[in-house]
Amino acid sequence: MVPLYPIEVIGLLSRVKIDAAVDTCFEGEVCLPATVAIELGLVLMGQEEFEYADGRREMDYLFAGEVILMGEQKPISIVLTQSNQALIGTELMADCTFTVDFSTGRADIVRSATTP
């Protein structure tokens, strides 16, 4: 069971609503299937090295886009995957609390309370 959370990703050409898997091992913001990224018209920003769960390190291209998460729109960096599953990473959830309903497989992400 993989917990899913709905996000909307925006590129230069279009936008898409997608159920993304919440991946607490992915330290980036969002990872999208390459086919979705092409439709969105994302802008290439550069490259960054990522470490995968199996320990290998590889350079991946980063693309600029925007995400709507919890009703807020913000610019993000997007990595592409050949998989069909979009991912939400820990950088996107850095100021959030994350819970999972294992009976439904749905994730809940809320902004953490800030201390004055």
PDB file of N, CA and C in Angstrom:
ATOM      1  N   MET A   1       0.833  -1.176   0.000  1.00  0.00           N
ATOM      2  CA  MET A   1       0.000   0.000   0.000  1.00  0.00           C
ATOM      3  C   MET A   1       0.882   1.245   0.000  1.00  0.00           C
ATOM      4  N   VAL A   2       0.619   2.116  -0.937  1.00  0.00           N
ATOM      5  CA  VAL A   2       1.351   3.374  -1.054  1.00  0.00           C
ATOM      6  C   VAL A   2       0.374   4.513  -0.770  1.00  0.00           C
ATOM      7  N   PRO A   3       0.669   5.370   0.216  1.00  0.00           N
ATOM      8  CA  PRO A   3      -0.240   6.481   0.494  1.00  0.00           C
ATOM      9  C   PRO A   3      -0.220   7.506  -0.636  1.00  0.00           C
ATOM     10  N   LEU A   4      -1.404   7.954  -1.039  1.00  0.00           N
ATOM     11  CA  LEU A   4      -1.547   8.905  -2.139  1.00  0.00           C
ATOM     12  C   LEU A   4      -2.112  10.227  -1.631  1.00  0.00           C
ATOM     13  N   TYR A   5      -1.712  11.318  -2.310  1.00  0.00           N
ATOM     14  CA  TYR A   5      -2.231  12.636  -1.969  1.00  0.00           C
ATOM     15  C   TYR A   5      -2.434  13.415  -3.268  1.00  0.00           C
ATOM     16  N   PRO A   6      -3.594  14.069  -3.423  1.00  0.00           N
ATOM     17  CA  PRO A   6      -3.861  14.796  -4.668  1.00  0.00           C
ATOM     18  C   PRO A   6      -3.106  16.125  -4.736  1.00  0.00           C
ATOM     19  N   ILE A   7      -2.463  16.369  -5.879  1.00  0.00           N
ATOM     20  CA  ILE A   7      -1.805  17.653  -6.128  1.00  0.00           C
ATOM     21  C   ILE A   7      -2.190  18.109  -7.528  1.00  0.00           C
ATOM     22  N   GLU A   8      -1.978  19.380  -7.797  1.00  0.00           N
ATOM     23  CA  GLU A   8      -2.139  19.910  -9.148  1.00  0.00           C
ATOM     24  C   GLU A   8      -0.811  20.519  -9.549  1.00  0.00           C
ATOM     25  N   VAL A   9      -0.275  20.099 -10.700  1.00  0.00           N
ATOM     26  CA  VAL A   9       1.015  20.585 -11.182  1.00  0.00           C
ATOM     27  C   VAL A   9       0.767  21.447 -12.415  1.00  0.00           C
ATOM     28  N   ILE A  10       1.470  22.581 -12.475  1.00  0.00           N
ATOM     29  CA  ILE A  10       1.255  23.563 -13.534  1.00  0.00           C
ATOM     30  C   ILE A  10       2.556  23.791 -14.293  1.00  0.00           C
ATOM     31  N   GLY A  11       2.466  23.729 -15.625  1.00  0.00           N
ATOM     32  CA  GLY A  11       3.594  24.030 -16.495  1.00  0.00           C
ATOM     33  C   GLY A  11       3.243  25.191 -17.406  1.00  0.00           C
ATOM     34  N   LEU A  12       4.074  25.434 -18.419  1.00  0.00           N
ATOM     35  CA  LEU A  12       3.816  26.528 -19.358  1.00  0.00           C
ATOM     36  C   LEU A  12       2.633  26.246 -20.278  1.00  0.00           C
ATOM     37  N   LEU A  13       2.395  24.970 -20.598  1.00  0.00           N
ATOM     38  CA  LEU A  13       1.369  24.619 -21.577  1.00  0.00           C
ATOM     39  C   LEU A  13       0.048  24.173 -20.983  1.00  0.00           C
ATOM     40  N   SER A  14       0.088  23.584 -19.795  1.00  0.00           N
ATOM     41  CA  SER A  14      -1.147  23.058 -19.209  1.00  0.00           C
ATOM     42  C   SER A  14      -0.956  22.789 -17.727  1.00  0.00           C
ATOM     43  N   ARG A  15      -1.985  22.218 -17.134  1.00  0.00           N
ATOM     44  CA  ARG A  15      -1.948  21.806 -15.730  1.00  0.00           C
ATOM     45  C   ARG A  15      -2.610  20.448 -15.626  1.00  0.00           C
ATOM     46  N   VAL A  16      -2.239  19.693 -14.572  1.00  0.00           N
ATOM     47  CA  VAL A  16      -2.800  18.357 -14.395  1.00  0.00           C
ATOM     48  C   VAL A  16      -3.014  18.100 -12.907  1.00  0.00           C
ATOM     49  N   LYS A  17      -4.154  17.489 -12.597  1.00  0.00           N
ATOM     50  CA  LYS A  17      -4.411  17.014 -11.235  1.00  0.00           C
ATOM     51  C   LYS A  17      -4.018  15.548 -11.203  1.00  0.00           C
ATOM     52  N   ILE A  18      -3.260  15.170 -10.180  1.00  0.00           N
ATOM     53  CA  ILE A  18      -2.726  13.815 -10.124  1.00  0.00           C
ATOM     54  C   ILE A  18      -2.647  13.348  -8.669  1.00  0.00           C
ATOM     55  N   ASP A  19      -2.906  12.064  -8.448  1.00  0.00           N
ATOM     56  CA  ASP A  19      -2.704  11.468  -7.127  1.00  0.00           C
ATOM     57  C   ASP A  19      -1.251  11.028  -7.043  1.00  0.00           C
ATOM     58  N   ALA A  20      -0.479  11.697  -6.206  1.00  0.00           N
ATOM     59  CA  ALA A  20       0.947  11.410  -6.077  1.00  0.00           C
ATOM     60  C   ALA A  20       1.204  10.542  -4.851  1.00  0.00           C
ATOM     61  N   ALA A  21       2.127   9.610  -4.991  1.00  0.00           N
ATOM     62  CA  ALA A  21       2.543   8.782  -3.859  1.00  0.00           C
ATOM     63  C   ALA A  21       3.434   9.616  -2.945  1.00  0.00           C
ATOM     64  N   VAL A  22       3.185   9.541  -1.650  1.00  0.00           N
ATOM     65  CA  VAL A  22       4.013  10.249  -0.679  1.00  0.00           C
ATOM     66  C   VAL A  22       5.220   9.362  -0.382  1.00  0.00           C
ATOM     67  N   ASP A  23       6.410   9.837  -0.776  1.00  0.00           N
ATOM     68  CA  ASP A  23       7.641   9.056  -0.653  1.00  0.00           C
ATOM     69  C   ASP A  23       8.578   9.744   0.336  1.00  0.00           C
ATOM     70  N   THR A  24       8.625   9.241   1.558  1.00  0.00           N
ATOM     71  CA  THR A  24       9.450   9.864   2.594  1.00  0.00           C
ATOM     72  C   THR A  24      10.946   9.620   2.389  1.00  0.00           C
ATOM     73  N   CYS A  25      11.316   8.807   1.414  1.00  0.00           N
ATOM     74  CA  CYS A  25      12.734   8.601   1.085  1.00  0.00           C
ATOM     75  C   CYS A  25      13.189   9.526  -0.039  1.00  0.00           C
ATOM     76  N   PHE A  26      12.254  10.169  -0.729  1.00  0.00           N
ATOM     77  CA  PHE A  26      12.569  11.103  -1.814  1.00  0.00           C
ATOM     78  C   PHE A  26      12.737  12.489  -1.203  1.00  0.00           C
ATOM     79  N   GLU A  27      13.947  13.040  -1.286  1.00  0.00           N
ATOM     80  CA  GLU A  27      14.246  14.313  -0.640  1.00  0.00           C
ATOM     81  C   GLU A  27      13.918  15.527  -1.495  1.00  0.00           C
ATOM     82  N   GLY A  28      13.442  15.319  -2.710  1.00  0.00           N
ATOM     83  CA  GLY A  28      13.069  16.433  -3.569  1.00  0.00           C
ATOM     84  C   GLY A  28      11.653  16.910  -3.283  1.00  0.00           C
ATOM     85  N   GLU A  29      11.106  17.692  -4.224  1.00  0.00           N
ATOM     86  CA  GLU A  29       9.749  18.204  -4.053  1.00  0.00           C
ATOM     87  C   GLU A  29       8.732  17.311  -4.762  1.00  0.00           C
ATOM     88  N   VAL A  30       8.849  17.230  -6.095  1.00  0.00           N
ATOM     89  CA  VAL A  30       7.906  16.428  -6.880  1.00  0.00           C
ATOM     90  C   VAL A  30       8.673  15.669  -7.954  1.00  0.00           C
ATOM     91  N   CYS A  31       8.264  14.441  -8.191  1.00  0.00           N
ATOM     92  CA  CYS A  31       8.796  13.613  -9.271  1.00  0.00           C
ATOM     93  C   CYS A  31       7.611  13.234 -10.149  1.00  0.00           C
ATOM     94  N   LEU A  32       7.701  13.515 -11.442  1.00  0.00           N
ATOM     95  CA  LEU A  32       6.592  13.262 -12.361  1.00  0.00           C
ATOM     96  C   LEU A  32       6.989  12.290 -13.460  1.00  0.00           C
ATOM     97  N   PRO A  33       6.026  11.507 -13.943  1.00  0.00           N
ATOM     98  CA  PRO A  33       6.285  10.703 -15.132  1.00  0.00           C
ATOM     99  C   PRO A  33       6.678  11.615 -16.299  1.00  0.00           C
ATOM    100  N   ALA A  34       7.654  11.201 -17.086  1.00  0.00           N
ATOM    101  CA  ALA A  34       8.129  12.011 -18.211  1.00  0.00           C
ATOM    102  C   ALA A  34       6.997  12.360 -19.169  1.00  0.00           C
ATOM    103  N   THR A  35       6.068  11.434 -19.371  1.00  0.00           N
ATOM    104  CA  THR A  35       4.951  11.693 -20.289  1.00  0.00           C
ATOM    105  C   THR A  35       4.087  12.855 -19.802  1.00  0.00           C
ATOM    106  N   VAL A  36       3.896  12.968 -18.505  1.00  0.00           N
ATOM    107  CA  VAL A  36       3.113  14.072 -17.934  1.00  0.00           C
ATOM    108  C   VAL A  36       3.883  15.380 -18.082  1.00  0.00           C
ATOM    109  N   ALA A  37       5.184  15.344 -17.828  1.00  0.00           N
ATOM    110  CA  ALA A  37       6.017  16.541 -17.911  1.00  0.00           C
ATOM    111  C   ALA A  37       6.009  17.132 -19.317  1.00  0.00           C
ATOM    112  N   ILE A  38       6.025  16.281 -20.323  1.00  0.00           N
ATOM    113  CA  ILE A  38       5.998  16.754 -21.710  1.00  0.00           C
ATOM    114  C   ILE A  38       4.702  17.503 -21.982  1.00  0.00           C
ATOM    115  N   GLU A  39       3.577  16.963 -21.529  1.00  0.00           N
ATOM    116  CA  GLU A  39       2.274  17.608 -21.713  1.00  0.00           C
ATOM    117  C   GLU A  39       2.219  18.970 -21.022  1.00  0.00           C
ATOM    118  N   LEU A  40       2.877  19.088 -19.866  1.00  0.00           N
ATOM    119  CA  LEU A  40       2.835  20.323 -19.089  1.00  0.00           C
ATOM    120  C   LEU A  40       3.694  21.437 -19.681  1.00  0.00           C
ATOM    121  N   GLY A  41       4.729  21.079 -20.427  1.00  0.00           N
ATOM    122  CA  GLY A  41       5.643  22.084 -20.961  1.00  0.00           C
ATOM    123  C   GLY A  41       6.543  22.668 -19.884  1.00  0.00           C
ATOM    124  N   LEU A  42       7.178  21.801 -19.111  1.00  0.00           N
ATOM    125  CA  LEU A  42       8.057  22.250 -18.030  1.00  0.00           C
ATOM    126  C   LEU A  42       9.352  22.842 -18.582  1.00  0.00           C
ATOM    127  N   VAL A  43       9.955  23.757 -17.830  1.00  0.00           N
ATOM    128  CA  VAL A  43      11.177  24.441 -18.242  1.00  0.00           C
ATOM    129  C   VAL A  43      12.384  23.798 -17.559  1.00  0.00           C
ATOM    130  N   LEU A  44      13.397  23.425 -18.345  1.00  0.00           N
ATOM    131  CA  LEU A  44      14.626  22.837 -17.807  1.00  0.00           C
ATOM    132  C   LEU A  44      15.395  23.880 -16.999  1.00  0.00           C
ATOM    133  N   MET A  45      15.762  23.521 -15.745  1.00  0.00           N
ATOM    134  CA  MET A  45      16.521  24.419 -14.862  1.00  0.00           C
ATOM    135  C   MET A  45      17.982  24.023 -14.751  1.00  0.00           C
ATOM    136  N   GLY A  46      18.282  22.728 -14.875  1.00  0.00           N
ATOM    137  CA  GLY A  46      19.650  22.259 -14.695  1.00  0.00           C
ATOM    138  C   GLY A  46      19.662  20.820 -14.244  1.00  0.00           C
ATOM    139  N   GLN A  47      20.752  20.426 -13.575  1.00  0.00           N
ATOM    140  CA  GLN A  47      20.891  19.060 -13.085  1.00  0.00           C
ATOM    141  C   GLN A  47      21.240  19.066 -11.603  1.00  0.00           C
ATOM    142  N   GLU A  48      20.907  17.961 -10.936  1.00  0.00           N
ATOM    143  CA  GLU A  48      21.254  17.781  -9.529  1.00  0.00           C
ATOM    144  C   GLU A  48      21.496  16.299  -9.289  1.00  0.00           C
ATOM    145  N   GLU A  49      22.417  15.997  -8.375  1.00  0.00           N
ATOM    146  CA  GLU A  49      22.686  14.602  -8.039  1.00  0.00           C
ATOM    147  C   GLU A  49      21.686  14.121  -6.989  1.00  0.00           C
ATOM    148  N   PHE A  50      21.128  12.938  -7.217  1.00  0.00           N
ATOM    149  CA  PHE A  50      20.190  12.326  -6.286  1.00  0.00           C
ATOM    150  C   PHE A  50      20.704  10.964  -5.863  1.00  0.00           C
ATOM    151  N   GLU A  51      20.438  10.614  -4.609  1.00  0.00           N
ATOM    152  CA  GLU A  51      20.755   9.278  -4.117  1.00  0.00           C
ATOM    153  C   GLU A  51      19.463   8.481  -4.048  1.00  0.00           C
ATOM    154  N   TYR A  52      19.480   7.303  -4.654  1.00  0.00           N
ATOM    155  CA  TYR A  52      18.303   6.442  -4.694  1.00  0.00           C
ATOM    156  C   TYR A  52      18.284   5.491  -3.506  1.00  0.00           C
ATOM    157  N   ALA A  53      17.140   4.862  -3.294  1.00  0.00           N
ATOM    158  CA  ALA A  53      16.956   3.957  -2.150  1.00  0.00           C
ATOM    159  C   ALA A  53      17.980   2.829  -2.148  1.00  0.00           C
ATOM    160  N   ASP A  54      18.435   2.420  -3.336  1.00  0.00           N
ATOM    161  CA  ASP A  54      19.409   1.329  -3.409  1.00  0.00           C
ATOM    162  C   ASP A  54      20.852   1.814  -3.222  1.00  0.00           C
ATOM    163  N   GLY A  55      21.036   3.113  -2.942  1.00  0.00           N
ATOM    164  CA  GLY A  55      22.358   3.657  -2.667  1.00  0.00           C
ATOM    165  C   GLY A  55      23.072   4.262  -3.861  1.00  0.00           C
ATOM    166  N   ARG A  56      22.616   4.009  -5.062  1.00  0.00           N
ATOM    167  CA  ARG A  56      23.293   4.579  -6.235  1.00  0.00           C
ATOM    168  C   ARG A  56      23.014   6.079  -6.314  1.00  0.00           C
ATOM    169  N   ARG A  57      23.970   6.792  -6.894  1.00  0.00           N
ATOM    170  CA  ARG A  57      23.846   8.241  -7.069  1.00  0.00           C
ATOM    171  C   ARG A  57      23.881   8.536  -8.558  1.00  0.00           C
ATOM    172  N   GLU A  58      22.951   9.373  -8.998  1.00  0.00           N
ATOM    173  CA  GLU A  58      22.887   9.726 -10.414  1.00  0.00           C
ATOM    174  C   GLU A  58      22.499  11.182 -10.576  1.00  0.00           C
ATOM    175  N   MET A  59      22.959  11.768 -11.667  1.00  0.00           N
ATOM    176  CA  MET A  59      22.552  13.124 -12.017  1.00  0.00           C
ATOM    177  C   MET A  59      21.202  13.039 -12.721  1.00  0.00           C
ATOM    178  N   ASP A  60      20.279  13.894 -12.319  1.00  0.00           N
ATOM    179  CA  ASP A  60      18.966  13.973 -12.955  1.00  0.00           C
ATOM    180  C   ASP A  60      18.695  15.415 -13.342  1.00  0.00           C
ATOM    181  N   TYR A  61      17.914  15.575 -14.406  1.00  0.00           N
ATOM    182  CA  TYR A  61      17.512  16.909 -14.830  1.00  0.00           C
ATOM    183  C   TYR A  61      16.427  17.439 -13.906  1.00  0.00           C
ATOM    184  N   LEU A  62      16.499  18.747 -13.614  1.00  0.00           N
ATOM    185  CA  LEU A  62      15.478  19.426 -12.818  1.00  0.00           C
ATOM    186  C   LEU A  62      14.696  20.371 -13.717  1.00  0.00           C
ATOM    187  N   PHE A  63      13.396  20.380 -13.538  1.00  0.00           N
ATOM    188  CA  PHE A  63      12.515  21.234 -14.319  1.00  0.00           C
ATOM    189  C   PHE A  63      11.738  22.153 -13.387  1.00  0.00           C
ATOM    190  N   ALA A  64      11.418  23.353 -13.871  1.00  0.00           N
ATOM    191  CA  ALA A  64      10.636  24.311 -13.091  1.00  0.00           C
ATOM    192  C   ALA A  64       9.162  24.136 -13.402  1.00  0.00           C
ATOM    193  N   GLY A  65       8.365  24.217 -12.373  1.00  0.00           N
ATOM    194  CA  GLY A  65       6.917  24.172 -12.514  1.00  0.00           C
ATOM    195  C   GLY A  65       6.303  24.771 -11.270  1.00  0.00           C
ATOM    196  N   GLU A  66       5.009  24.616 -11.136  1.00  0.00           N
ATOM    197  CA  GLU A  66       4.317  25.067  -9.935  1.00  0.00           C
ATOM    198  C   GLU A  66       3.399  23.962  -9.461  1.00  0.00           C
ATOM    199  N   VAL A  67       3.114  23.971  -8.165  1.00  0.00           N
ATOM    200  CA  VAL A  67       2.217  22.974  -7.593  1.00  0.00           C
ATOM    201  C   VAL A  67       1.169  23.692  -6.752  1.00  0.00           C
ATOM    202  N   ILE A  68      -0.027  23.139  -6.752  1.00  0.00           N
ATOM    203  CA  ILE A  68      -1.052  23.573  -5.809  1.00  0.00           C
ATOM    204  C   ILE A  68      -1.191  22.446  -4.802  1.00  0.00           C
ATOM    205  N   LEU A  69      -0.846  22.772  -3.566  1.00  0.00           N
ATOM    206  CA  LEU A  69      -0.872  21.810  -2.470  1.00  0.00           C
ATOM    207  C   LEU A  69      -1.554  22.480  -1.289  1.00  0.00           C
ATOM    208  N   MET A  70      -2.592  21.862  -0.779  1.00  0.00           N
ATOM    209  CA  MET A  70      -3.355  22.412   0.342  1.00  0.00           C
ATOM    210  C   MET A  70      -3.871  23.813   0.025  1.00  0.00           C
ATOM    211  N   GLY A  71      -4.278  24.026  -1.220  1.00  0.00           N
ATOM    212  CA  GLY A  71      -4.858  25.299  -1.631  1.00  0.00           C
ATOM    213  C   GLY A  71      -3.869  26.406  -1.911  1.00  0.00           C
ATOM    214  N   GLU A  72      -2.577  26.139  -1.776  1.00  0.00           N
ATOM    215  CA  GLU A  72      -1.550  27.150  -2.018  1.00  0.00           C
ATOM    216  C   GLU A  72      -0.748  26.803  -3.269  1.00  0.00           C
ATOM    217  N   GLN A  73      -0.527  27.813  -4.123  1.00  0.00           N
ATOM    218  CA  GLN A  73       0.267  27.622  -5.331  1.00  0.00           C
ATOM    219  C   GLN A  73       1.673  28.142  -5.080  1.00  0.00           C
ATOM    220  N   LYS A  74       2.683  27.315  -5.442  1.00  0.00           N
ATOM    221  CA  LYS A  74       4.068  27.744  -5.247  1.00  0.00           C
ATOM    222  C   LYS A  74       4.970  27.136  -6.304  1.00  0.00           C
ATOM    223  N   PRO A  75       6.088  27.821  -6.622  1.00  0.00           N
ATOM    224  CA  PRO A  75       7.053  27.280  -7.582  1.00  0.00           C
ATOM    225  C   PRO A  75       7.809  26.107  -6.966  1.00  0.00           C
ATOM    226  N   ILE A  76       8.117  25.114  -7.805  1.00  0.00           N
ATOM    227  CA  ILE A  76       8.832  23.924  -7.338  1.00  0.00           C
ATOM    228  C   ILE A  76       9.830  23.453  -8.380  1.00  0.00           C
ATOM    229  N   SER A  77      10.729  22.572  -7.932  1.00  0.00           N
ATOM    230  CA  SER A  77      11.637  21.843  -8.813  1.00  0.00           C
ATOM    231  C   SER A  77      11.059  20.450  -9.011  1.00  0.00           C
ATOM    232  N   ILE A  78      11.088  19.985 -10.249  1.00  0.00           N
ATOM    233  CA  ILE A  78      10.487  18.699 -10.600  1.00  0.00           C
ATOM    234  C   ILE A  78      11.534  17.802 -11.240  1.00  0.00           C
ATOM    235  N   VAL A  79      11.607  16.569 -10.771  1.00  0.00           N
ATOM    236  CA  VAL A  79      12.464  15.535 -11.351  1.00  0.00           C
ATOM    237  C   VAL A  79      11.553  14.611 -12.154  1.00  0.00           C
ATOM    238  N   LEU A  80      12.080  14.032 -13.222  1.00  0.00           N
ATOM    239  CA  LEU A  80      11.273  13.138 -14.057  1.00  0.00           C
ATOM    240  C   LEU A  80      11.585  11.680 -13.772  1.00  0.00           C
ATOM    241  N   THR A  81      10.602  10.826 -14.052  1.00  0.00           N
ATOM    242  CA  THR A  81      10.764   9.386 -13.891  1.00  0.00           C
ATOM    243  C   THR A  81      10.153   8.675 -15.088  1.00  0.00           C
ATOM    244  N   GLN A  82      10.637   7.480 -15.377  1.00  0.00           N
ATOM    245  CA  GLN A  82      10.042   6.654 -16.424  1.00  0.00           C
ATOM    246  C   GLN A  82       8.848   5.874 -15.881  1.00  0.00           C
ATOM    247  N   SER A  83       8.664   5.892 -14.571  1.00  0.00           N
ATOM    248  CA  SER A  83       7.526   5.239 -13.929  1.00  0.00           C
ATOM    249  C   SER A  83       6.241   5.996 -14.263  1.00  0.00           C
ATOM    250  N   ASN A  84       5.103   5.356 -14.046  1.00  0.00           N
ATOM    251  CA  ASN A  84       3.811   6.014 -14.236  1.00  0.00           C
ATOM    252  C   ASN A  84       3.319   6.695 -12.969  1.00  0.00           C
ATOM    253  N   GLN A  85       4.072   6.573 -11.864  1.00  0.00           N
ATOM    254  CA  GLN A  85       3.630   7.094 -10.569  1.00  0.00           C
ATOM    255  C   GLN A  85       4.329   8.403 -10.221  1.00  0.00           C
ATOM    256  N   ALA A  86       3.562   9.448  -9.976  1.00  0.00           N
ATOM    257  CA  ALA A  86       4.110  10.711  -9.480  1.00  0.00           C
ATOM    258  C   ALA A  86       4.429  10.562  -7.996  1.00  0.00           C
ATOM    259  N   LEU A  87       5.429  11.326  -7.529  1.00  0.00           N
ATOM    260  CA  LEU A  87       5.838  11.281  -6.121  1.00  0.00           C
ATOM    261  C   LEU A  87       5.846  12.679  -5.516  1.00  0.00           C
ATOM    262  N   ILE A  88       5.508  12.738  -4.238  1.00  0.00           N
ATOM    263  CA  ILE A  88       5.712  13.937  -3.425  1.00  0.00           C
ATOM    264  C   ILE A  88       6.862  13.613  -2.485  1.00  0.00           C
ATOM    265  N   GLY A  89       7.860  14.506  -2.423  1.00  0.00           N
ATOM    266  CA  GLY A  89       9.012  14.265  -1.562  1.00  0.00           C
ATOM    267  C   GLY A  89       9.008  15.103  -0.299  1.00  0.00           C
ATOM    268  N   THR A  90       9.999  14.858   0.535  1.00  0.00           N
ATOM    269  CA  THR A  90      10.063  15.497   1.848  1.00  0.00           C
ATOM    270  C   THR A  90      10.324  16.999   1.782  1.00  0.00           C
ATOM    271  N   GLU A  91      10.996  17.485   0.733  1.00  0.00           N
ATOM    272  CA  GLU A  91      11.245  18.925   0.633  1.00  0.00           C
ATOM    273  C   GLU A  91       9.930  19.696   0.493  1.00  0.00           C
ATOM    274  N   LEU A  92       8.975  19.124  -0.224  1.00  0.00           N
ATOM    275  CA  LEU A  92       7.670  19.773  -0.396  1.00  0.00           C
ATOM    276  C   LEU A  92       6.876  19.769   0.906  1.00  0.00           C
ATOM    277  N   MET A  93       7.135  18.788   1.762  1.00  0.00           N
ATOM    278  CA  MET A  93       6.375  18.643   3.011  1.00  0.00           C
ATOM    279  C   MET A  93       7.165  19.101   4.235  1.00  0.00           C
ATOM    280  N   ALA A  94       8.225  19.868   4.042  1.00  0.00           N
ATOM    281  CA  ALA A  94       9.130  20.221   5.139  1.00  0.00           C
ATOM    282  C   ALA A  94       8.433  20.916   6.306  1.00  0.00           C
ATOM    283  N   ASP A  95       7.402  21.695   6.031  1.00  0.00           N
ATOM    284  CA  ASP A  95       6.711  22.416   7.107  1.00  0.00           C
ATOM    285  C   ASP A  95       5.333  21.813   7.392  1.00  0.00           C
ATOM    286  N   CYS A  96       5.211  20.509   7.174  1.00  0.00           N
ATOM    287  CA  CYS A  96       3.908  19.843   7.282  1.00  0.00           C
ATOM    288  C   CYS A  96       3.936  18.653   8.239  1.00  0.00           C
ATOM    289  N   THR A  97       2.737  18.236   8.616  1.00  0.00           N
ATOM    290  CA  THR A  97       2.542  16.986   9.341  1.00  0.00           C
ATOM    291  C   THR A  97       1.860  16.023   8.379  1.00  0.00           C
ATOM    292  N   PHE A  98       2.349  14.794   8.338  1.00  0.00           N
ATOM    293  CA  PHE A  98       1.889  13.795   7.377  1.00  0.00           C
ATOM    294  C   PHE A  98       1.327  12.602   8.129  1.00  0.00           C
ATOM    295  N   THR A  99       0.086  12.220   7.818  1.00  0.00           N
ATOM    296  CA  THR A  99      -0.525  11.030   8.417  1.00  0.00           C
ATOM    297  C   THR A  99      -1.115  10.165   7.314  1.00  0.00           C
ATOM    298  N   VAL A 100      -1.256   8.872   7.609  1.00  0.00           N
ATOM    299  CA  VAL A 100      -1.782   7.922   6.628  1.00  0.00           C
ATOM    300  C   VAL A 100      -2.963   7.173   7.224  1.00  0.00           C
ATOM    301  N   ASP A 101      -4.039   7.046   6.436  1.00  0.00           N
ATOM    302  CA  ASP A 101      -5.159   6.172   6.786  1.00  0.00           C
ATOM    303  C   ASP A 101      -4.908   4.867   6.040  1.00  0.00           C
ATOM    304  N   PHE A 102      -4.380   3.881   6.723  1.00  0.00           N
ATOM    305  CA  PHE A 102      -4.002   2.630   6.072  1.00  0.00           C
ATOM    306  C   PHE A 102      -5.204   1.854   5.551  1.00  0.00           C
ATOM    307  N   SER A 103      -6.389   2.110   6.084  1.00  0.00           N
ATOM    308  CA  SER A 103      -7.573   1.395   5.596  1.00  0.00           C
ATOM    309  C   SER A 103      -7.982   1.862   4.203  1.00  0.00           C
ATOM    310  N   THR A 104      -7.668   3.133   3.863  1.00  0.00           N
ATOM    311  CA  THR A 104      -8.041   3.662   2.550  1.00  0.00           C
ATOM    312  C   THR A 104      -6.835   3.924   1.653  1.00  0.00           C
ATOM    313  N   GLY A 105      -5.647   3.993   2.256  1.00  0.00           N
ATOM    314  CA  GLY A 105      -4.452   4.309   1.479  1.00  0.00           C
ATOM    315  C   GLY A 105      -4.304   5.790   1.191  1.00  0.00           C
ATOM    316  N   ARG A 106      -5.125   6.626   1.815  1.00  0.00           N
ATOM    317  CA  ARG A 106      -5.064   8.065   1.588  1.00  0.00           C
ATOM    318  C   ARG A 106      -4.155   8.730   2.622  1.00  0.00           C
ATOM    319  N   ALA A 107      -3.417   9.702   2.155  1.00  0.00           N
ATOM    320  CA  ALA A 107      -2.546  10.477   3.031  1.00  0.00           C
ATOM    321  C   ALA A 107      -3.225  11.792   3.378  1.00  0.00           C
ATOM    322  N   ASP A 108      -2.881  12.335   4.525  1.00  0.00           N
ATOM    323  CA  ASP A 108      -3.342  13.657   4.917  1.00  0.00           C
ATOM    324  C   ASP A 108      -2.105  14.483   5.237  1.00  0.00           C
ATOM    325  N   ILE A 109      -2.012  15.636   4.617  1.00  0.00           N
ATOM    326  CA  ILE A 109      -0.882  16.526   4.825  1.00  0.00           C
ATOM    327  C   ILE A 109      -1.444  17.873   5.257  1.00  0.00           C
ATOM    328  N   VAL A 110      -0.983  18.363   6.392  1.00  0.00           N
ATOM    329  CA  VAL A 110      -1.423  19.669   6.891  1.00  0.00           C
ATOM    330  C   VAL A 110      -0.199  20.473   7.307  1.00  0.00           C
ATOM    331  N   ARG A 111      -0.314  21.789   7.189  1.00  0.00           N
ATOM    332  CA  ARG A 111       0.774  22.654   7.639  1.00  0.00           C
ATOM    333  C   ARG A 111       0.931  22.508   9.141  1.00  0.00           C
ATOM    334  N   SER A 112       2.155  22.390   9.589  1.00  0.00           N
ATOM    335  CA  SER A 112       2.430  22.287  11.021  1.00  0.00           C
ATOM    336  C   SER A 112       2.193  23.634  11.685  1.00  0.00           C
ATOM    337  N   ALA A 113       1.780  23.590  12.935  1.00  0.00           N
ATOM    338  CA  ALA A 113       1.609  24.826  13.695  1.00  0.00           C
ATOM    339  C   ALA A 113       2.976  25.457  13.911  1.00  0.00           C
ATOM    340  N   THR A 114       3.049  26.763  13.767  1.00  0.00           N
ATOM    341  CA  THR A 114       4.319  27.455  13.978  1.00  0.00           C
ATOM    342  C   THR A 114       4.321  28.083  15.357  1.00  0.00           C
ATOM    343  N   THR A 115       5.488  28.131  15.946  1.00  0.00           N
ATOM    344  CA  THR A 115       5.611  28.755  17.261  1.00  0.00           C
ATOM    345  C   THR A 115       6.042  30.200  17.079  1.00  0.00           C
ATOM    346  N   PRO A 116       5.477  31.101  17.870  1.00  0.00           N
ATOM    347  CA  PRO A 116       5.815  32.535  17.715  1.00  0.00           C
ATOM    348  C   PRO A 116       7.239  32.837  18.113  1.00  0.00           C
TER     349      PRO A 116
END
